[in-house]
Amino acid sequence: GLAREAIRLIQEARKSTGLEVSDRIELRYEAAGDLAAALAEHGDLVADEVLATSFGPGEPAWETPAHRDAGLELTFWLRRAG
């Protein structure tokens, strides 16, 4: 359930930043507790669903605005994969 909610938020962020449905992305995130465990356990599913070529915890090395969801306590960064 938590991984699916994160996927929904990431897909909304992709759309709001002007990415095409088929664009591959790089994705980094910060989460705690149950959500962090869900993202670690279901990381392959999340990456597949959002077309992430790179997916993992921690702030990115690149500069891009953060997307935050206070309810899920999720912060994530994404950019088009190059």
C-alpha atoms as a PDB file:
ATOM      1  CA  GLY A   1       0.000   0.000   0.000  1.00  0.00           C
ATOM      2  CA  LEU A   2       2.704   2.534   0.931  1.00  0.00           C
ATOM      3  CA  ALA A   3       4.803   1.722  -2.136  1.00  0.00           C
ATOM      4  CA  ARG A   4       1.745   2.203  -4.373  1.00  0.00           C
ATOM      5  CA  GLU A   5       1.029   5.573  -2.754  1.00  0.00           C
ATOM      6  CA  ALA A   6       4.643   6.627  -3.375  1.00  0.00           C
ATOM      7  CA  ILE A   7       4.315   5.525  -7.024  1.00  0.00           C
ATOM      8  CA  ARG A   8       1.200   7.685  -7.392  1.00  0.00           C
ATOM      9  CA  LEU A   9       3.004  10.731  -5.975  1.00  0.00           C
ATOM     10  CA  ILE A  10       6.033  10.191  -8.193  1.00  0.00           C
ATOM     11  CA  GLN A  11       3.836   9.837 -11.282  1.00  0.00           C
ATOM     12  CA  GLU A  12       2.053  13.091 -10.397  1.00  0.00           C
ATOM     13  CA  ALA A  13       5.426  14.830  -9.995  1.00  0.00           C
ATOM     14  CA  ARG A  14       6.580  13.507 -13.376  1.00  0.00           C
ATOM     15  CA  LYS A  15       3.488  14.983 -14.984  1.00  0.00           C
ATOM     16  CA  SER A  16       3.740  18.327 -13.182  1.00  0.00           C
ATOM     17  CA  THR A  17       7.384  18.764 -14.225  1.00  0.00           C
ATOM     18  CA  GLY A  18       6.537  18.243 -17.891  1.00  0.00           C
ATOM     19  CA  LEU A  19       8.064  14.820 -18.401  1.00  0.00           C
ATOM     20  CA  GLU A  20       6.592  12.600 -21.089  1.00  0.00           C
ATOM     21  CA  VAL A  21       4.959   9.314 -20.078  1.00  0.00           C
ATOM     22  CA  SER A  22       7.795   7.384 -21.748  1.00  0.00           C
ATOM     23  CA  ASP A  23      10.688   9.431 -20.281  1.00  0.00           C
ATOM     24  CA  ARG A  24      13.145   7.506 -18.144  1.00  0.00           C
ATOM     25  CA  ILE A  25      14.092   9.206 -14.866  1.00  0.00           C
ATOM     26  CA  GLU A  26      16.641   9.165 -12.103  1.00  0.00           C
ATOM     27  CA  LEU A  27      15.057   9.166  -8.652  1.00  0.00           C
ATOM     28  CA  ARG A  28      16.328   9.695  -5.103  1.00  0.00           C
ATOM     29  CA  TYR A  29      14.253   9.782  -1.952  1.00  0.00           C
ATOM     30  CA  GLU A  30      14.241  10.310   1.798  1.00  0.00           C
ATOM     31  CA  ALA A  31      11.698   8.455   3.910  1.00  0.00           C
ATOM     32  CA  ALA A  32      11.484   7.012   7.403  1.00  0.00           C
ATOM     33  CA  GLY A  33       9.858   4.125   9.212  1.00  0.00           C
ATOM     34  CA  ASP A  34       7.358   1.949   7.390  1.00  0.00           C
ATOM     35  CA  LEU A  35       7.624   3.904   4.156  1.00  0.00           C
ATOM     36  CA  ALA A  36      11.414   3.525   4.039  1.00  0.00           C
ATOM     37  CA  ALA A  37      10.998  -0.219   4.612  1.00  0.00           C
ATOM     38  CA  ALA A  38       8.324  -0.446   1.887  1.00  0.00           C
ATOM     39  CA  LEU A  39      10.493   1.432  -0.621  1.00  0.00           C
ATOM     40  CA  ALA A  40      13.472  -0.775   0.168  1.00  0.00           C
ATOM     41  CA  GLU A  41      11.410  -3.962  -0.105  1.00  0.00           C
ATOM     42  CA  HIS A  42       9.519  -2.949  -3.243  1.00  0.00           C
ATOM     43  CA  GLY A  43      12.214  -0.827  -4.881  1.00  0.00           C
ATOM     44  CA  ASP A  44      12.242  -2.840  -8.105  1.00  0.00           C
ATOM     45  CA  LEU A  45       8.478  -2.454  -8.479  1.00  0.00           C
ATOM     46  CA  VAL A  46       8.624   1.291  -7.822  1.00  0.00           C
ATOM     47  CA  ALA A  47      11.501   1.759 -10.279  1.00  0.00           C
ATOM     48  CA  ASP A  48       9.700  -0.267 -12.963  1.00  0.00           C
ATOM     49  CA  GLU A  49       6.400   1.585 -12.522  1.00  0.00           C
ATOM     50  CA  VAL A  50       7.948   5.071 -12.726  1.00  0.00           C
ATOM     51  CA  LEU A  51      10.559   4.139 -15.379  1.00  0.00           C
ATOM     52  CA  ALA A  52      13.498   4.918 -13.104  1.00  0.00           C
ATOM     53  CA  THR A  53      16.887   3.873 -14.411  1.00  0.00           C
ATOM     54  CA  SER A  54      18.387   4.865 -11.062  1.00  0.00           C
ATOM     55  CA  PHE A  55      16.491   4.637  -7.754  1.00  0.00           C
ATOM     56  CA  GLY A  56      17.722   4.845  -4.192  1.00  0.00           C
ATOM     57  CA  PRO A  57      17.722   6.588  -0.848  1.00  0.00           C
ATOM     58  CA  GLY A  58      19.544   9.836  -0.159  1.00  0.00           C
ATOM     59  CA  GLU A  59      19.781  13.300  -1.640  1.00  0.00           C
ATOM     60  CA  PRO A  60      20.933  13.444  -5.247  1.00  0.00           C
ATOM     61  CA  ALA A  61      24.245  14.834  -6.461  1.00  0.00           C
ATOM     62  CA  TRP A  62      22.351  16.942  -8.996  1.00  0.00           C
ATOM     63  CA  GLU A  63      20.422  20.119  -8.254  1.00  0.00           C
ATOM     64  CA  THR A  64      16.677  19.905  -8.698  1.00  0.00           C
ATOM     65  CA  PRO A  65      13.664  20.951  -6.633  1.00  0.00           C
ATOM     66  CA  ALA A  66      12.472  18.502  -4.013  1.00  0.00           C
ATOM     67  CA  HIS A  67       8.956  17.090  -4.047  1.00  0.00           C
ATOM     68  CA  ARG A  68       7.493  16.593  -0.568  1.00  0.00           C
ATOM     69  CA  ASP A  69       4.447  14.867   0.837  1.00  0.00           C
ATOM     70  CA  ALA A  70       3.940  15.589   4.525  1.00  0.00           C
ATOM     71  CA  GLY A  71       1.289  12.893   4.930  1.00  0.00           C
ATOM     72  CA  LEU A  72       3.615  10.129   3.750  1.00  0.00           C
ATOM     73  CA  GLU A  73       6.706  11.854   5.122  1.00  0.00           C
ATOM     74  CA  LEU A  74       8.355  11.412   1.748  1.00  0.00           C
ATOM     75  CA  THR A  75      10.778  13.737   0.009  1.00  0.00           C
ATOM     76  CA  PHE A  76      12.017  12.838  -3.445  1.00  0.00           C
ATOM     77  CA  TRP A  77      13.961  14.288  -6.333  1.00  0.00           C
ATOM     78  CA  LEU A  78      13.693  13.291  -9.947  1.00  0.00           C
ATOM     79  CA  ARG A  79      15.120  14.288 -13.287  1.00  0.00           C
ATOM     80  CA  ARG A  80      15.089  12.955 -16.810  1.00  0.00           C
ATOM     81  CA  ALA A  81      17.714  10.267 -17.219  1.00  0.00           C
ATOM     82  CA  GLY A  82      20.506  11.296 -19.512  1.00  0.00           C
END
